[in-house]
Protein backbone atom coordinates (compact mmCIF):
# COMPACT_ATOMS: atom_id res chain seq x y z
CA MET A 1 3.51 -32.83 -15.53
CA SER A 2 5.77 -30.26 -13.80
CA ASN A 3 6.98 -27.41 -15.76
CA SER A 4 8.94 -26.22 -12.91
CA THR A 5 13.01 -26.54 -12.71
CA ASP A 6 15.33 -26.63 -9.39
CA GLY A 7 12.12 -27.66 -7.07
CA ASP A 8 9.15 -24.43 -7.26
CA ILE A 9 11.02 -22.38 -9.31
CA ARG A 10 8.89 -22.51 -12.44
CA LEU A 11 10.14 -21.83 -16.29
CA THR A 12 7.14 -19.06 -16.49
CA ASP A 13 8.45 -17.62 -12.91
CA ARG A 14 12.12 -17.43 -14.37
CA ALA A 15 10.42 -15.84 -17.62
CA PHE A 16 8.68 -13.13 -16.13
CA ALA A 17 11.63 -12.41 -13.85
CA LEU A 18 13.75 -12.05 -16.82
CA PHE A 19 11.61 -9.72 -18.90
CA GLN A 20 10.89 -7.58 -15.59
CA GLN A 21 14.85 -6.93 -15.77
CA ILE A 22 14.73 -5.45 -19.25
CA LEU A 23 11.91 -3.02 -18.28
CA PRO A 24 12.46 0.91 -17.78
CA THR A 25 10.89 0.17 -14.54
CA ARG A 26 11.44 3.60 -13.21
CA TRP A 27 10.46 5.64 -15.75
CA LEU A 28 7.12 3.17 -16.22
CA SER A 29 6.04 3.48 -12.42
CA SER A 30 6.51 7.48 -12.84
CA VAL A 31 4.00 6.97 -15.84
CA VAL A 32 1.70 5.29 -13.79
CA HIS A 33 2.04 8.05 -10.77
CA ARG A 34 1.50 10.80 -13.29
CA ILE A 35 -1.63 8.92 -14.94
CA ALA A 36 -2.89 8.01 -11.66
CA LEU A 37 -2.80 11.84 -10.26
CA ILE A 38 -5.11 12.70 -13.37
CA ARG A 39 -8.55 14.83 -12.19
CA GLN A 40 -10.06 15.16 -15.67
CA PRO A 41 -13.42 13.07 -13.98
CA ALA A 42 -14.08 11.46 -17.69
CA ILE A 43 -10.39 9.70 -17.21
CA LYS A 44 -10.15 9.17 -13.47
CA ASN A 45 -13.78 8.09 -13.04
CA THR A 46 -13.28 5.49 -16.25
CA LEU A 47 -9.85 4.25 -14.54
CA ILE A 48 -11.32 3.98 -11.02
CA ARG A 49 -14.16 1.66 -12.72
CA LEU A 50 -11.85 -0.13 -14.78
CA PHE A 51 -9.79 -0.95 -11.74
CA MET A 52 -12.61 -2.29 -9.86
CA ARG A 53 -14.17 -4.27 -11.85
CA GLY A 54 -11.08 -6.20 -12.67
CA PHE A 55 -10.21 -6.71 -9.46
CA LYS A 56 -13.63 -7.02 -7.42
CA ILE A 57 -13.33 -3.77 -5.25
CA ASP A 58 -15.70 -3.37 -2.55
CA LEU A 59 -16.37 0.62 -1.43
CA SER A 60 -18.65 -0.79 1.58
CA GLU A 61 -15.96 0.12 4.45
CA ALA A 62 -14.64 2.89 2.28
CA GLU A 63 -14.58 6.62 3.37
CA PHE A 64 -16.45 7.26 0.30
CA GLU A 65 -18.64 4.41 -1.27
CA ASN A 66 -18.88 6.64 -4.47
CA PRO A 67 -16.37 5.95 -6.71
CA GLU A 68 -16.73 9.22 -8.45
CA ARG A 69 -16.19 11.42 -5.20
CA TYR A 70 -12.32 10.60 -5.40
CA GLU A 71 -10.40 13.51 -6.93
CA THR A 72 -8.01 11.10 -8.69
CA PHE A 73 -7.15 7.44 -8.84
CA ASN A 74 -4.80 7.70 -6.48
CA HIS A 75 -6.82 9.42 -4.27
CA PHE A 76 -9.04 6.36 -4.78
CA PHE A 77 -5.93 3.99 -4.26
CA THR A 78 -4.76 5.22 -1.32
CA ARG A 79 -8.80 5.58 0.13
CA ALA A 80 -9.59 6.07 3.87
CA LEU A 81 -11.81 3.56 5.29
CA LYS A 82 -14.83 4.16 7.56
CA PRO A 83 -14.16 4.47 11.29
CA GLY A 84 -13.97 1.71 13.08
CA SER A 85 -13.67 -0.94 9.80
CA ARG A 86 -9.81 -1.72 11.34
CA PRO A 87 -10.67 -2.16 15.13
CA LEU A 88 -7.58 -3.00 16.99
CA ALA A 89 -7.02 -6.59 18.77
CA ASP A 90 -7.90 -5.87 22.19
CA ALA A 91 -5.04 -7.62 24.10
CA PRO A 92 -2.34 -4.46 24.91
CA ASP A 93 0.60 -7.34 24.38
CA ALA A 94 -0.52 -8.03 20.66
CA PHE A 95 1.79 -7.12 17.82
CA LEU A 96 -0.73 -6.06 15.33
CA SER A 97 -0.53 -6.43 11.44
CA PRO A 98 0.44 -2.59 9.85
CA VAL A 99 -1.35 -3.70 6.69
CA ASP A 100 -4.36 -5.49 5.23
CA GLY A 101 -1.92 -8.36 2.91
CA THR A 102 -1.11 -12.16 2.73
CA ILE A 103 2.06 -13.10 4.88
CA SER A 104 4.60 -14.41 2.67
CA GLN A 105 7.46 -15.21 4.80
CA PHE A 106 8.12 -14.80 8.54
CA GLY A 107 10.67 -16.25 11.10
CA PRO A 108 14.22 -15.71 12.69
CA ILE A 109 17.08 -13.48 11.09
CA THR A 110 19.49 -15.94 11.12
CA ASN A 111 23.05 -15.20 10.71
CA GLY A 112 22.25 -11.54 9.22
CA ARG A 113 19.87 -13.00 6.73
CA ILE A 114 16.13 -13.06 5.73
CA ILE A 115 14.10 -15.58 4.06
CA GLN A 116 12.87 -14.37 0.96
CA ALA A 117 11.22 -17.70 -0.78
CA LYS A 118 12.54 -21.30 -1.12
CA GLN A 119 16.22 -21.12 -1.87
CA HIS A 120 16.46 -17.79 -1.53
CA ASP A 121 17.65 -15.33 1.24
CA TYR A 122 19.27 -11.82 1.14
CA SER A 123 21.19 -10.00 3.53
CA LEU A 124 19.44 -7.68 6.58
CA LEU A 125 22.38 -5.13 5.97
CA GLU A 126 21.56 -4.68 2.70
CA LEU A 127 17.92 -4.25 3.10
CA LEU A 128 18.35 -1.69 5.50
CA GLY A 129 20.94 0.09 2.94
CA GLY A 130 24.05 -0.66 4.87
CA ASP A 131 22.79 1.01 7.55
CA GLU A 132 24.91 -1.28 10.31
CA GLU A 133 23.62 0.42 13.46
CA ALA A 134 20.27 -0.52 12.50
CA ALA A 135 21.44 -3.74 11.42
CA ALA A 136 22.79 -4.64 14.53
CA GLN A 137 19.44 -3.99 16.48
CA PHE A 138 18.09 -7.18 14.64
CA ALA A 139 20.93 -9.80 14.88
CA GLY A 140 19.22 -12.45 16.01
CA GLY A 141 15.84 -11.10 15.85
CA SER A 142 12.85 -12.15 13.88
CA PHE A 143 10.84 -10.87 10.52
CA CYS A 144 7.63 -11.05 8.88
CA THR A 145 6.87 -10.01 5.20
CA ILE A 146 3.70 -9.20 4.43
CA TYR A 147 2.28 -8.71 0.44
CA LEU A 148 -0.05 -6.25 -0.44
CA ALA A 149 -2.16 -6.77 -3.95
CA PRO A 150 -3.76 -4.05 -5.85
CA TYR A 151 -7.25 -4.97 -4.12
CA ASN A 152 -5.88 -4.35 -0.31
CA TYR A 153 -6.14 -1.31 1.81
CA HIS A 154 -3.05 0.44 1.02
CA ARG A 155 -2.27 2.58 3.96
CA ILE A 156 0.08 1.26 6.76
CA HIS A 157 -0.18 1.68 10.53
CA MET A 158 1.82 1.40 13.55
CA PRO A 159 1.72 -2.89 14.79
CA ILE A 160 3.20 -1.36 18.53
CA GLY A 161 3.60 2.69 19.75
CA GLY A 162 6.76 4.26 18.89
CA VAL A 163 9.09 7.05 18.16
CA LEU A 164 10.89 7.29 15.08
CA GLN A 165 14.51 6.78 16.04
CA ARG A 166 15.98 6.65 12.15
CA TRP A 167 14.59 6.39 8.74
CA SER A 168 16.30 6.11 5.15
CA TYR A 169 15.35 6.17 1.67
CA VAL A 170 17.24 3.18 -0.40
CA PRO A 171 16.98 3.80 -4.47
CA GLY A 172 16.55 0.64 -6.33
CA ARG A 173 14.72 -1.19 -8.97
CA LEU A 174 11.40 -1.20 -9.14
CA PHE A 175 10.64 -5.28 -9.79
CA SER A 176 7.03 -7.04 -8.96
CA VAL A 177 6.49 -8.23 -5.21
CA ASN A 178 4.51 -10.83 -6.63
CA SER A 179 4.90 -14.45 -5.36
CA ALA A 180 5.89 -15.59 -8.90
CA THR A 181 9.06 -13.05 -8.90
CA ALA A 182 9.83 -13.75 -5.03
CA ARG A 183 10.29 -17.27 -6.05
CA ALA A 184 12.66 -16.16 -9.05
CA LEU A 185 14.42 -13.43 -8.33
CA PRO A 186 17.50 -13.56 -5.77
CA ASN A 187 17.86 -11.05 -2.95
CA LEU A 188 14.62 -9.35 -4.28
CA PHE A 189 13.74 -6.82 -1.70
CA ALA A 190 17.44 -5.77 -1.42
CA ARG A 191 16.97 -4.80 -4.89
CA ASN A 192 13.99 -2.87 -4.72
CA GLU A 193 13.56 1.22 -3.80
CA ARG A 194 12.38 0.84 -0.21
CA VAL A 195 12.07 3.27 2.47
CA ASN A 196 12.77 2.13 6.29
CA ALA A 197 11.88 3.04 9.61
CA VAL A 198 12.87 2.22 12.63
CA PHE A 199 10.90 2.84 15.85
CA ASP A 200 11.92 2.84 19.65
CA THR A 201 9.31 0.80 21.29
CA GLU A 202 8.30 -0.38 24.51
CA ALA A 203 9.47 -3.94 22.59
CA GLY A 204 12.69 -2.69 21.79
CA PRO A 205 13.47 -1.41 18.35
CA VAL A 206 10.72 -1.95 15.74
CA GLY A 207 12.06 -1.60 12.08
CA MET A 208 9.17 -1.46 9.19
CA VAL A 209 10.60 -1.26 5.53
CA LEU A 210 8.36 -0.45 2.87
CA VAL A 211 9.48 -2.02 -0.34
CA GLY A 212 8.65 -0.25 -3.89
CA ALA A 213 7.57 -2.42 -6.77
CA LEU A 214 6.85 -2.18 -10.37
CA PHE A 215 4.26 0.54 -10.99
CA VAL A 216 4.61 1.84 -7.41
CA GLY A 217 4.43 5.11 -8.49
CA SER A 218 4.53 6.61 -4.90
CA MET A 219 5.74 6.23 -1.37
CA GLU A 220 4.74 8.40 1.81
CA THR A 221 5.09 8.60 5.26
CA VAL A 222 3.06 11.11 7.78
CA TRP A 223 6.97 12.71 9.28
CA ALA A 224 8.22 13.42 5.39
CA GLY A 225 5.20 13.16 2.82
CA GLN A 226 6.05 11.72 -0.43
CA VAL A 227 9.32 10.24 -0.59
CA THR A 228 8.96 8.97 -4.21
CA PRO A 229 8.83 9.97 -7.21
CA PRO A 230 11.09 10.94 -8.35
CA HIS A 231 12.84 7.03 -8.49
CA THR A 232 16.57 8.30 -7.98
CA ALA A 233 19.75 6.09 -8.23
CA GLY A 234 22.79 6.41 -6.17
CA ALA A 235 23.64 6.07 -2.76
CA PRO A 236 20.78 5.49 0.30
CA ALA A 237 20.19 8.44 2.20
CA HIS A 238 19.58 7.77 6.25
CA TYR A 239 18.26 10.59 8.42
CA ARG A 240 17.44 11.12 12.00
CA PRO A 241 14.33 13.19 12.90
CA MET A 242 14.73 16.79 13.97
CA ARG A 243 12.30 16.53 16.51
CA PRO A 244 10.57 13.28 18.15
CA GLU A 245 8.12 11.70 15.57
CA SER A 246 5.94 9.70 18.00
CA LEU A 247 3.24 7.41 16.74
CA GLU A 248 0.30 5.70 18.68
CA ARG A 249 -0.13 1.86 18.22
CA GLY A 250 -2.18 1.48 14.92
CA ALA A 251 -2.13 5.09 13.88
CA GLU A 252 -1.14 5.86 10.10
CA MET A 253 2.44 5.64 9.39
CA GLY A 254 2.71 5.87 6.00
CA ARG A 255 0.94 4.77 2.09
CA PHE A 256 1.54 2.93 -1.40
CA ASN A 257 0.07 3.89 -4.54
CA MET A 258 -0.75 0.44 -5.98
CA GLY A 259 0.57 -3.06 -4.71
CA SER A 260 3.90 -3.69 -2.36
CA THR A 261 5.23 -5.34 0.40
CA VAL A 262 6.18 -4.16 3.77
CA ILE A 263 8.74 -6.22 6.34
CA LEU A 264 8.22 -6.11 9.98
CA LEU A 265 11.63 -6.17 11.93
CA ALA A 266 12.21 -6.88 15.38
CA PRO A 267 14.74 -7.61 18.14
CA ALA A 268 15.80 -10.71 19.54
CA GLY A 269 12.98 -12.19 22.34
CA ARG A 270 10.96 -9.40 21.94
CA VAL A 271 8.21 -10.20 19.94
CA GLN A 272 6.26 -14.14 19.44
CA TRP A 273 4.60 -14.73 16.30
CA ASP A 274 1.00 -16.24 16.73
CA ASP A 275 0.97 -19.73 16.14
CA ALA A 276 -1.82 -19.91 13.65
CA LEU A 277 0.40 -17.65 11.30
CA ALA A 278 1.49 -19.16 7.89
CA SER A 279 2.71 -18.16 4.66
CA GLY A 280 -0.67 -17.68 2.08
CA HIS A 281 -2.72 -16.59 5.53
CA THR A 282 -4.49 -13.28 4.61
CA VAL A 283 -4.22 -10.52 7.36
CA ARG A 284 -6.06 -7.52 8.19
CA GLN A 285 -4.60 -4.11 9.36
CA GLY A 286 -5.08 -4.26 13.35
CA GLN A 287 -5.47 -7.96 13.97
CA SER A 288 -2.82 -9.52 15.95
CA ILE A 289 0.09 -11.33 14.47
CA GLY A 290 1.65 -12.17 17.54
CA THR A 291 2.52 -10.94 21.10
CA TRP A 292 5.75 -8.29 22.29
CA SER A 293 7.14 -8.48 25.42
CA ALA A 294 9.41 -5.65 27.08
CA HIS A 295 11.80 -8.14 28.87
CA GLY A 296 12.68 -10.65 26.03
CA ARG A 297 11.41 -14.40 26.31
């Protein structure tokens, strides 16, 4: 017997979403961040080992295989990998996965709307914090949303080489971004705190949206350093780089503390997603998830 209503939206999903709306999510995420920075060996080693046991973490690909070598839980969580652990796809026109994660949704941006989950979509303009110039660059384009679970590698890399054109910090809530919340909570990704970046590339403008989430204590970029915390309220802050910030294909562009989501944005006719791509498929950073074209298709 089904326990769902309105198609695929389960009663348990609705209950979880409702519970999150009464939580002090910014405060909880700030507390988690402070705990993640504790250096006292007994505390941080216990946290790391409990996490490894609960999520079955394998450190064989990590820079440090001994968990006690990490200075803090955050150092462990945002751990680097050994060189060569994530080889980049050979094809020069391969559009790379920026992260290890699970494909949530992908497809066209239709009438300025992006699919969140069955029965839910949201505004591209709202996602980009009201930046009309940025949103116009992706009108009629496409998107791909990738969810990072707590056990995934949490550094974010470039899907294609590019020069930073603009970026923004958009304050918001910090709801979970797991599949249950995406099914039940409308406008989720445009409500959560996020960092947006648009790069000029050979395939035209490419957007990367880093979406904060419950217990995501920190988001960083390589050009601005730590963007959050503090988790603020108020209007979005939009920036243009003071000097050229050029990042090569596959280079690190940012990182999360704890799990979250990255949304890729591509202009019309420039990126073709792989035929094998499907919601629920796992991907690894550096593998091809599509092909790009400099002149459109």
